[in-house]
Amino acid sequence: EVVGRTEDGRRVAAMMTAGGYAERAVVPEHQAFAV
């Protein structure tokens, strides 16, 4: 789980199976929620 900004500036909180402990993460679009 992460919170941050997408490339186009949207602030989202998102879940994925792995990859969150990082400066950048790739998340499934349908598992990203507007914050």
PDB file of all heavy atoms in Angstrom:
ATOM      1  N   GLU A   1       0.834  -1.204   0.000  1.00  0.00           N
ATOM      2  CA  GLU A   1       0.000   0.000   0.000  1.00  0.00           C
ATOM      3  C   GLU A   1       0.866   1.250   0.000  1.00  0.00           C
ATOM      4  O   GLU A   1       1.903   1.305   0.666  1.00  0.00           O
ATOM      5  CB  GLU A   1      -0.949  -0.004   1.205  1.00  0.00           C
ATOM      6  CG  GLU A   1      -0.269  -0.257   2.529  1.00  0.00           C
ATOM      7  CD  GLU A   1      -1.235  -0.414   3.691  1.00  0.00           C
ATOM      8  OE1 GLU A   1      -2.433  -0.640   3.470  1.00  0.00           O
ATOM      9  OE2 GLU A   1      -0.772  -0.295   4.839  1.00  0.00           O
ATOM     10  N   VAL A   2       0.429   2.215  -0.790  1.00  0.00           N
ATOM     11  CA  VAL A   2       1.169   3.465  -0.925  1.00  0.00           C
ATOM     12  C   VAL A   2       0.205   4.632  -1.052  1.00  0.00           C
ATOM     13  O   VAL A   2      -0.968   4.467  -1.415  1.00  0.00           O
ATOM     14  CB  VAL A   2       2.096   3.458  -2.168  1.00  0.00           C
ATOM     15  CG1 VAL A   2       3.153   2.364  -2.066  1.00  0.00           C
ATOM     16  CG2 VAL A   2       1.285   3.302  -3.458  1.00  0.00           C
ATOM     17  N   VAL A   3       0.717   5.824  -0.765  1.00  0.00           N
ATOM     18  CA  VAL A   3       0.026   7.061  -1.113  1.00  0.00           C
ATOM     19  C   VAL A   3       1.045   7.944  -1.814  1.00  0.00           C
ATOM     20  O   VAL A   3       2.234   7.942  -1.466  1.00  0.00           O
ATOM     21  CB  VAL A   3      -0.573   7.767   0.120  1.00  0.00           C
ATOM     22  CG1 VAL A   3       0.500   8.148   1.127  1.00  0.00           C
ATOM     23  CG2 VAL A   3      -1.385   8.994  -0.299  1.00  0.00           C
ATOM     24  N   GLY A   4       0.580   8.665  -2.838  1.00  0.00           N
ATOM     25  CA  GLY A   4       1.496   9.517  -3.577  1.00  0.00           C
ATOM     26  C   GLY A   4       0.791  10.155  -4.750  1.00  0.00           C
ATOM     27  O   GLY A   4      -0.441  10.268  -4.766  1.00  0.00           O
ATOM     28  N   ARG A   5       1.580  10.551  -5.723  1.00  0.00           N
ATOM     29  CA  ARG A   5       1.037  11.257  -6.889  1.00  0.00           C
ATOM     30  C   ARG A   5       1.333  10.474  -8.164  1.00  0.00           C
ATOM     31  O   ARG A   5       2.414   9.902  -8.328  1.00  0.00           O
ATOM     32  CB  ARG A   5       1.654  12.649  -7.007  1.00  0.00           C
ATOM     33  CG  ARG A   5       1.372  13.545  -5.807  1.00  0.00           C
ATOM     34  CD  ARG A   5       0.491  14.682  -6.165  1.00  0.00           C
ATOM     35  NE  ARG A   5       0.136  15.480  -4.993  1.00  0.00           N
ATOM     36  CZ  ARG A   5      -1.034  16.074  -4.847  1.00  0.00           C
ATOM     37  NH1 ARG A   5      -1.970  15.932  -5.789  1.00  0.00           N
ATOM     38  NH2 ARG A   5      -1.314  16.789  -3.776  1.00  0.00           N
ATOM     39  N   THR A   6       0.365  10.476  -9.059  1.00  0.00           N
ATOM     40  CA  THR A   6       0.559   9.866 -10.369  1.00  0.00           C
ATOM     41  C   THR A   6       1.346  10.824 -11.260  1.00  0.00           C
ATOM     42  O   THR A   6       1.597  11.981 -10.908  1.00  0.00           O
ATOM     43  CB  THR A   6      -0.793   9.549 -11.024  1.00  0.00           C
ATOM     44  OG1 THR A   6      -1.515  10.782 -11.211  1.00  0.00           O
ATOM     45  CG2 THR A   6      -1.617   8.614 -10.147  1.00  0.00           C
ATOM     46  N   GLU A   7       1.737  10.345 -12.419  1.00  0.00           N
ATOM     47  CA  GLU A   7       2.488  11.177 -13.356  1.00  0.00           C
ATOM     48  C   GLU A   7       1.730  12.443 -13.748  1.00  0.00           C
ATOM     49  O   GLU A   7       2.333  13.475 -14.040  1.00  0.00           O
ATOM     50  CB  GLU A   7       2.827  10.371 -14.611  1.00  0.00           C
ATOM     51  CG  GLU A   7       3.816   9.236 -14.378  1.00  0.00           C
ATOM     52  CD  GLU A   7       5.246   9.741 -14.245  1.00  0.00           C
ATOM     53  OE1 GLU A   7       5.617  10.182 -13.135  1.00  0.00           O
ATOM     54  OE2 GLU A   7       5.978   9.704 -15.242  1.00  0.00           O
ATOM     55  N   ASP A   8       0.393  12.380 -13.780  1.00  0.00           N
ATOM     56  CA  ASP A   8      -0.395  13.562 -14.143  1.00  0.00           C
ATOM     57  C   ASP A   8      -0.833  14.381 -12.922  1.00  0.00           C
ATOM     58  O   ASP A   8      -1.700  15.251 -13.023  1.00  0.00           O
ATOM     59  CB  ASP A   8      -1.613  13.164 -14.984  1.00  0.00           C
ATOM     60  CG  ASP A   8      -2.535  12.176 -14.269  1.00  0.00           C
ATOM     61  OD1 ASP A   8      -2.260  11.860 -13.088  1.00  0.00           O
ATOM     62  OD2 ASP A   8      -3.520  11.734 -14.881  1.00  0.00           O
ATOM     63  N   GLY A   9      -0.251  14.084 -11.736  1.00  0.00           N
ATOM     64  CA  GLY A   9      -0.464  14.935 -10.577  1.00  0.00           C
ATOM     65  C   GLY A   9      -1.606  14.555  -9.661  1.00  0.00           C
ATOM     66  O   GLY A   9      -1.833  15.240  -8.646  1.00  0.00           O
ATOM     67  N   ARG A  10      -2.330  13.483  -9.968  1.00  0.00           N
ATOM     68  CA  ARG A  10      -3.429  13.080  -9.086  1.00  0.00           C
ATOM     69  C   ARG A  10      -2.886  12.458  -7.803  1.00  0.00           C
ATOM     70  O   ARG A  10      -1.934  11.676  -7.838  1.00  0.00           O
ATOM     71  CB  ARG A  10      -4.330  12.059  -9.784  1.00  0.00           C
ATOM     72  CG  ARG A  10      -5.210  12.651 -10.867  1.00  0.00           C
ATOM     73  CD  ARG A  10      -6.032  11.569 -11.535  1.00  0.00           C
ATOM     74  NE  ARG A  10      -5.197  10.656 -12.310  1.00  0.00           N
ATOM     75  CZ  ARG A  10      -5.449   9.367 -12.475  1.00  0.00           C
ATOM     76  NH1 ARG A  10      -6.488   8.793 -11.875  1.00  0.00           N
ATOM     77  NH2 ARG A  10      -4.647   8.610 -13.218  1.00  0.00           N
ATOM     78  N   ARG A  11      -3.513  12.784  -6.669  1.00  0.00           N
ATOM     79  CA  ARG A  11      -3.124  12.190  -5.388  1.00  0.00           C
ATOM     80  C   ARG A  11      -3.973  10.954  -5.167  1.00  0.00           C
ATOM     81  O   ARG A  11      -5.211  11.020  -5.130  1.00  0.00           O
ATOM     82  CB  ARG A  11      -3.332  13.189  -4.251  1.00  0.00           C
ATOM     83  CG  ARG A  11      -2.810  12.688  -2.906  1.00  0.00           C
ATOM     84  CD  ARG A  11      -2.789  13.816  -1.885  1.00  0.00           C
ATOM     85  NE  ARG A  11      -2.331  13.342  -0.583  1.00  0.00           N
ATOM     86  CZ  ARG A  11      -3.056  13.394   0.527  1.00  0.00           C
ATOM     87  NH1 ARG A  11      -4.280  13.922   0.514  1.00  0.00           N
ATOM     88  NH2 ARG A  11      -2.571  12.930   1.662  1.00  0.00           N
ATOM     89  N   VAL A  12      -3.315   9.805  -5.006  1.00  0.00           N
ATOM     90  CA  VAL A  12      -4.037   8.543  -4.868  1.00  0.00           C
ATOM     91  C   VAL A  12      -3.438   7.718  -3.735  1.00  0.00           C
ATOM     92  O   VAL A  12      -2.268   7.847  -3.391  1.00  0.00           O
ATOM     93  CB  VAL A  12      -4.015   7.707  -6.178  1.00  0.00           C
ATOM     94  CG1 VAL A  12      -4.688   8.449  -7.314  1.00  0.00           C
ATOM     95  CG2 VAL A  12      -2.590   7.308  -6.547  1.00  0.00           C
ATOM     96  N   ALA A  13      -4.273   6.875  -3.169  1.00  0.00           N
ATOM     97  CA  ALA A  13      -3.837   5.807  -2.273  1.00  0.00           C
ATOM     98  C   ALA A  13      -4.137   4.508  -2.993  1.00  0.00           C
ATOM     99  O   ALA A  13      -5.218   4.359  -3.567  1.00  0.00           O
ATOM    100  CB  ALA A  13      -4.574   5.874  -0.940  1.00  0.00           C
ATOM    101  N   ALA A  14      -3.183   3.583  -2.976  1.00  0.00           N
ATOM    102  CA  ALA A  14      -3.344   2.404  -3.819  1.00  0.00           C
ATOM    103  C   ALA A  14      -2.803   1.160  -3.147  1.00  0.00           C
ATOM    104  O   ALA A  14      -1.920   1.227  -2.288  1.00  0.00           O
ATOM    105  CB  ALA A  14      -2.640   2.610  -5.164  1.00  0.00           C
ATOM    106  N   MET A  15      -3.353   0.034  -3.572  1.00  0.00           N
ATOM    107  CA  MET A  15      -2.915  -1.267  -3.091  1.00  0.00           C
ATOM    108  C   MET A  15      -2.423  -2.117  -4.252  1.00  0.00           C
ATOM    109  O   MET A  15      -2.896  -1.995  -5.380  1.00  0.00           O
ATOM    110  CB  MET A  15      -4.058  -1.982  -2.369  1.00  0.00           C
ATOM    111  CG  MET A  15      -4.495  -1.275  -1.102  1.00  0.00           C
ATOM    112  SD  MET A  15      -5.578  -2.315  -0.108  1.00  0.00           S
ATOM    113  CE  MET A  15      -4.425  -3.610   0.372  1.00  0.00           C
ATOM    114  N   MET A  16      -1.463  -2.973  -3.940  1.00  0.00           N
ATOM    115  CA  MET A  16      -0.938  -3.911  -4.927  1.00  0.00           C
ATOM    116  C   MET A  16      -0.390  -5.111  -4.172  1.00  0.00           C
ATOM    117  O   MET A  16      -0.339  -5.107  -2.947  1.00  0.00           O
ATOM    118  CB  MET A  16       0.138  -3.268  -5.802  1.00  0.00           C
ATOM    119  CG  MET A  16       1.307  -2.713  -5.046  1.00  0.00           C
ATOM    120  SD  MET A  16       0.992  -1.131  -4.257  1.00  0.00           S
ATOM    121  CE  MET A  16       2.705  -0.647  -3.972  1.00  0.00           C
ATOM    122  N   THR A  17       0.016  -6.133  -4.883  1.00  0.00           N
ATOM    123  CA  THR A  17       0.501  -7.341  -4.209  1.00  0.00           C
ATOM    124  C   THR A  17       1.890  -7.142  -3.628  1.00  0.00           C
ATOM    125  O   THR A  17       2.239  -7.757  -2.616  1.00  0.00           O
ATOM    126  CB  THR A  17       0.528  -8.533  -5.178  1.00  0.00           C
ATOM    127  OG1 THR A  17       1.293  -8.172  -6.335  1.00  0.00           O
ATOM    128  CG2 THR A  17      -0.881  -8.917  -5.607  1.00  0.00           C
ATOM    129  N   ALA A  18       2.709  -6.274  -4.233  1.00  0.00           N
ATOM    130  CA  ALA A  18       4.072  -6.016  -3.749  1.00  0.00           C
ATOM    131  C   ALA A  18       4.582  -4.772  -4.450  1.00  0.00           C
ATOM    132  O   ALA A  18       3.971  -4.266  -5.390  1.00  0.00           O
ATOM    133  CB  ALA A  18       4.986  -7.206  -4.028  1.00  0.00           C
ATOM    134  N   GLY A  19       5.729  -4.257  -3.951  1.00  0.00           N
ATOM    135  CA  GLY A  19       6.371  -3.136  -4.616  1.00  0.00           C
ATOM    136  C   GLY A  19       6.241  -1.801  -3.922  1.00  0.00           C
ATOM    137  O   GLY A  19       6.739  -0.785  -4.427  1.00  0.00           O
ATOM    138  N   GLY A  20       5.610  -1.769  -2.739  1.00  0.00           N
ATOM    139  CA  GLY A  20       5.314  -0.501  -2.098  1.00  0.00           C
ATOM    140  C   GLY A  20       6.470   0.158  -1.365  1.00  0.00           C
ATOM    141  O   GLY A  20       6.513   1.375  -1.235  1.00  0.00           O
ATOM    142  N   TYR A  21       7.422  -0.632  -0.865  1.00  0.00           N
ATOM    143  CA  TYR A  21       8.548  -0.059  -0.118  1.00  0.00           C
ATOM    144  C   TYR A  21       9.566   0.503  -1.110  1.00  0.00           C
ATOM    145  O   TYR A  21      10.657  -0.028  -1.292  1.00  0.00           O
ATOM    146  CB  TYR A  21       9.252  -1.120   0.717  1.00  0.00           C
ATOM    147  CG  TYR A  21       8.522  -1.725   1.889  1.00  0.00           C
ATOM    148  CD1 TYR A  21       7.180  -1.476   2.150  1.00  0.00           C
ATOM    149  CD2 TYR A  21       9.200  -2.592   2.754  1.00  0.00           C
ATOM    150  CE1 TYR A  21       6.535  -2.055   3.234  1.00  0.00           C
ATOM    151  CE2 TYR A  21       8.566  -3.177   3.848  1.00  0.00           C
ATOM    152  CZ  TYR A  21       7.229  -2.904   4.080  1.00  0.00           C
ATOM    153  OH  TYR A  21       6.610  -3.493   5.142  1.00  0.00           O
ATOM    154  N   ALA A  22       9.227   1.601  -1.748  1.00  0.00           N
ATOM    155  CA  ALA A  22      10.072   2.120  -2.812  1.00  0.00           C
ATOM    156  C   ALA A  22       9.740   3.588  -3.075  1.00  0.00           C
ATOM    157  O   ALA A  22       8.704   4.095  -2.654  1.00  0.00           O
ATOM    158  CB  ALA A  22       9.873   1.305  -4.091  1.00  0.00           C
ATOM    159  N   GLU A  23      10.647   4.264  -3.796  1.00  0.00           N
ATOM    160  CA  GLU A  23      10.393   5.655  -4.166  1.00  0.00           C
ATOM    161  C   GLU A  23       9.316   5.766  -5.231  1.00  0.00           C
ATOM    162  O   GLU A  23       8.599   6.768  -5.303  1.00  0.00           O
ATOM    163  CB  GLU A  23      11.686   6.302  -4.659  1.00  0.00           C
ATOM    164  CG  GLU A  23      12.735   6.468  -3.566  1.00  0.00           C
ATOM    165  CD  GLU A  23      14.008   7.088  -4.073  1.00  0.00           C
ATOM    166  OE1 GLU A  23      14.513   6.641  -5.140  1.00  0.00           O
ATOM    167  OE2 GLU A  23      14.504   8.020  -3.411  1.00  0.00           O
ATOM    168  N   ARG A  24       9.183   4.754  -6.058  1.00  0.00           N
ATOM    169  CA  ARG A  24       8.146   4.722  -7.082  1.00  0.00           C
ATOM    170  C   ARG A  24       7.560   3.314  -7.138  1.00  0.00           C
ATOM    171  O   ARG A  24       8.272   2.332  -6.932  1.00  0.00           O
ATOM    172  CB  ARG A  24       8.720   5.119  -8.452  1.00  0.00           C
ATOM    173  CG  ARG A  24       9.037   6.610  -8.550  1.00  0.00           C
ATOM    174  CD  ARG A  24       9.736   6.993  -9.837  1.00  0.00           C
ATOM    175  NE  ARG A  24      11.127   6.580  -9.868  1.00  0.00           N
ATOM    176  CZ  ARG A  24      12.117   7.199  -9.229  1.00  0.00           C
ATOM    177  NH1 ARG A  24      11.873   8.253  -8.482  1.00  0.00           N
ATOM    178  NH2 ARG A  24      13.361   6.772  -9.329  1.00  0.00           N
ATOM    179  N   ALA A  25       6.268   3.251  -7.432  1.00  0.00           N
ATOM    180  CA  ALA A  25       5.584   1.961  -7.459  1.00  0.00           C
ATOM    181  C   ALA A  25       4.570   1.937  -8.596  1.00  0.00           C
ATOM    182  O   ALA A  25       3.986   2.975  -8.939  1.00  0.00           O
ATOM    183  CB  ALA A  25       4.878   1.693  -6.134  1.00  0.00           C
ATOM    184  N   VAL A  26       4.371   0.763  -9.153  1.00  0.00           N
ATOM    185  CA  VAL A  26       3.347   0.565 -10.177  1.00  0.00           C
ATOM    186  C   VAL A  26       2.163  -0.133  -9.526  1.00  0.00           C
ATOM    187  O   VAL A  26       2.323  -1.157  -8.850  1.00  0.00           O
ATOM    188  CB  VAL A  26       3.899  -0.269 -11.352  1.00  0.00           C
ATOM    189  CG1 VAL A  26       2.763  -0.719 -12.263  1.00  0.00           C
ATOM    190  CG2 VAL A  26       4.918   0.548 -12.137  1.00  0.00           C
ATOM    191  N   VAL A  27       0.977   0.446  -9.730  1.00  0.00           N
ATOM    192  CA  VAL A  27      -0.222  -0.079  -9.074  1.00  0.00           C
ATOM    193  C   VAL A  27      -1.319  -0.317 -10.108  1.00  0.00           C
ATOM    194  O   VAL A  27      -1.380   0.370 -11.131  1.00  0.00           O
ATOM    195  CB  VAL A  27      -0.731   0.904  -7.994  1.00  0.00           C
ATOM    196  CG1 VAL A  27       0.379   1.224  -6.994  1.00  0.00           C
ATOM    197  CG2 VAL A  27      -1.264   2.185  -8.608  1.00  0.00           C
ATOM    198  N   PRO A  28      -2.192  -1.317  -9.860  1.00  0.00           N
ATOM    199  CA  PRO A  28      -3.341  -1.506 -10.743  1.00  0.00           C
ATOM    200  C   PRO A  28      -4.271  -0.291 -10.655  1.00  0.00           C
ATOM    201  O   PRO A  28      -4.573   0.196  -9.566  1.00  0.00           O
ATOM    202  CB  PRO A  28      -4.020  -2.761 -10.180  1.00  0.00           C
ATOM    203  CG  PRO A  28      -2.974  -3.437  -9.350  1.00  0.00           C
ATOM    204  CD  PRO A  28      -2.130  -2.338  -8.801  1.00  0.00           C
ATOM    205  N   GLU A  29      -4.707   0.205 -11.791  1.00  0.00           N
ATOM    206  CA  GLU A  29      -5.539   1.416 -11.810  1.00  0.00           C
ATOM    207  C   GLU A  29      -6.824   1.248 -11.009  1.00  0.00           C
ATOM    208  O   GLU A  29      -7.267   2.170 -10.330  1.00  0.00           O
ATOM    209  CB  GLU A  29      -5.856   1.797 -13.260  1.00  0.00           C
ATOM    210  CG  GLU A  29      -6.445   3.171 -13.409  1.00  0.00           C
ATOM    211  CD  GLU A  29      -6.400   3.671 -14.847  1.00  0.00           C
ATOM    212  OE1 GLU A  29      -5.992   2.898 -15.736  1.00  0.00           O
ATOM    213  OE2 GLU A  29      -6.769   4.830 -15.067  1.00  0.00           O
ATOM    214  N   HIS A  30      -7.418   0.036 -11.040  1.00  0.00           N
ATOM    215  CA  HIS A  30      -8.691  -0.164 -10.337  1.00  0.00           C
ATOM    216  C   HIS A  30      -8.502  -0.322  -8.823  1.00  0.00           C
ATOM    217  O   HIS A  30      -9.486  -0.393  -8.093  1.00  0.00           O
ATOM    218  CB  HIS A  30      -9.436  -1.376 -10.905  1.00  0.00           C
ATOM    219  CG  HIS A  30      -8.816  -2.700 -10.570  1.00  0.00           C
ATOM    220  ND1 HIS A  30      -7.725  -3.194 -11.236  1.00  0.00           N
ATOM    221  CD2 HIS A  30      -9.136  -3.632  -9.634  1.00  0.00           C
ATOM    222  CE1 HIS A  30      -7.398  -4.365 -10.733  1.00  0.00           C
ATOM    223  NE2 HIS A  30      -8.215  -4.658  -9.762  1.00  0.00           N
ATOM    224  N   GLN A  31      -7.245  -0.354  -8.362  1.00  0.00           N
ATOM    225  CA  GLN A  31      -6.971  -0.449  -6.936  1.00  0.00           C
ATOM    226  C   GLN A  31      -6.370   0.849  -6.384  1.00  0.00           C
ATOM    227  O   GLN A  31      -5.775   0.867  -5.309  1.00  0.00           O
ATOM    228  CB  GLN A  31      -6.044  -1.626  -6.652  1.00  0.00           C
ATOM    229  CG  GLN A  31      -6.718  -2.969  -6.907  1.00  0.00           C
ATOM    230  CD  GLN A  31      -5.791  -4.168  -6.808  1.00  0.00           C
ATOM    231  OE1 GLN A  31      -6.081  -5.248  -7.343  1.00  0.00           O
ATOM    232  NE2 GLN A  31      -4.673  -4.017  -6.137  1.00  0.00           N
ATOM    233  N   ALA A  32      -6.566   1.931  -7.138  1.00  0.00           N
ATOM    234  CA  ALA A  32      -6.109   3.254  -6.720  1.00  0.00           C
ATOM    235  C   ALA A  32      -7.335   4.117  -6.423  1.00  0.00           C
ATOM    236  O   ALA A  32      -8.265   4.190  -7.231  1.00  0.00           O
ATOM    237  CB  ALA A  32      -5.257   3.889  -7.808  1.00  0.00           C
ATOM    238  N   PHE A  33      -7.336   4.750  -5.260  1.00  0.00           N
ATOM    239  CA  PHE A  33      -8.487   5.532  -4.807  1.00  0.00           C
ATOM    240  C   PHE A  33      -8.107   6.997  -4.648  1.00  0.00           C
ATOM    241  O   PHE A  33      -7.019   7.320  -4.138  1.00  0.00           O
ATOM    242  CB  PHE A  33      -9.005   4.996  -3.466  1.00  0.00           C
ATOM    243  CG  PHE A  33      -9.211   3.508  -3.460  1.00  0.00           C
ATOM    244  CD1 PHE A  33      -8.409   2.684  -2.673  1.00  0.00           C
ATOM    245  CD2 PHE A  33     -10.185   2.920  -4.241  1.00  0.00           C
ATOM    246  CE1 PHE A  33      -8.590   1.311  -2.669  1.00  0.00           C
ATOM    247  CE2 PHE A  33     -10.370   1.546  -4.249  1.00  0.00           C
ATOM    248  CZ  PHE A  33      -9.574   0.736  -3.457  1.00  0.00           C
ATOM    249  N   ALA A  34      -8.997   7.883  -5.068  1.00  0.00           N
ATOM    250  CA  ALA A  34      -8.757   9.314  -4.930  1.00  0.00           C
ATOM    251  C   ALA A  34      -8.681   9.689  -3.451  1.00  0.00           C
ATOM    252  O   ALA A  34      -9.471   9.197  -2.640  1.00  0.00           O
ATOM    253  CB  ALA A  34      -9.873  10.093  -5.611  1.00  0.00           C
ATOM    254  N   VAL A  35      -7.737  10.551  -3.107  1.00  0.00           N
ATOM    255  CA  VAL A  35      -7.526  10.958  -1.717  1.00  0.00           C
ATOM    256  C   VAL A  35      -7.926  12.426  -1.555  1.00  0.00           C
ATOM    257  O   VAL A  35      -7.374  13.293  -2.240  1.00  0.00           O
ATOM    258  CB  VAL A  35      -6.055  10.785  -1.294  1.00  0.00           C
ATOM    259  CG1 VAL A  35      -5.857  11.241   0.148  1.00  0.00           C
ATOM    260  CG2 VAL A  35      -5.627   9.332  -1.459  1.00  0.00           C
TER     261      VAL A  35
END
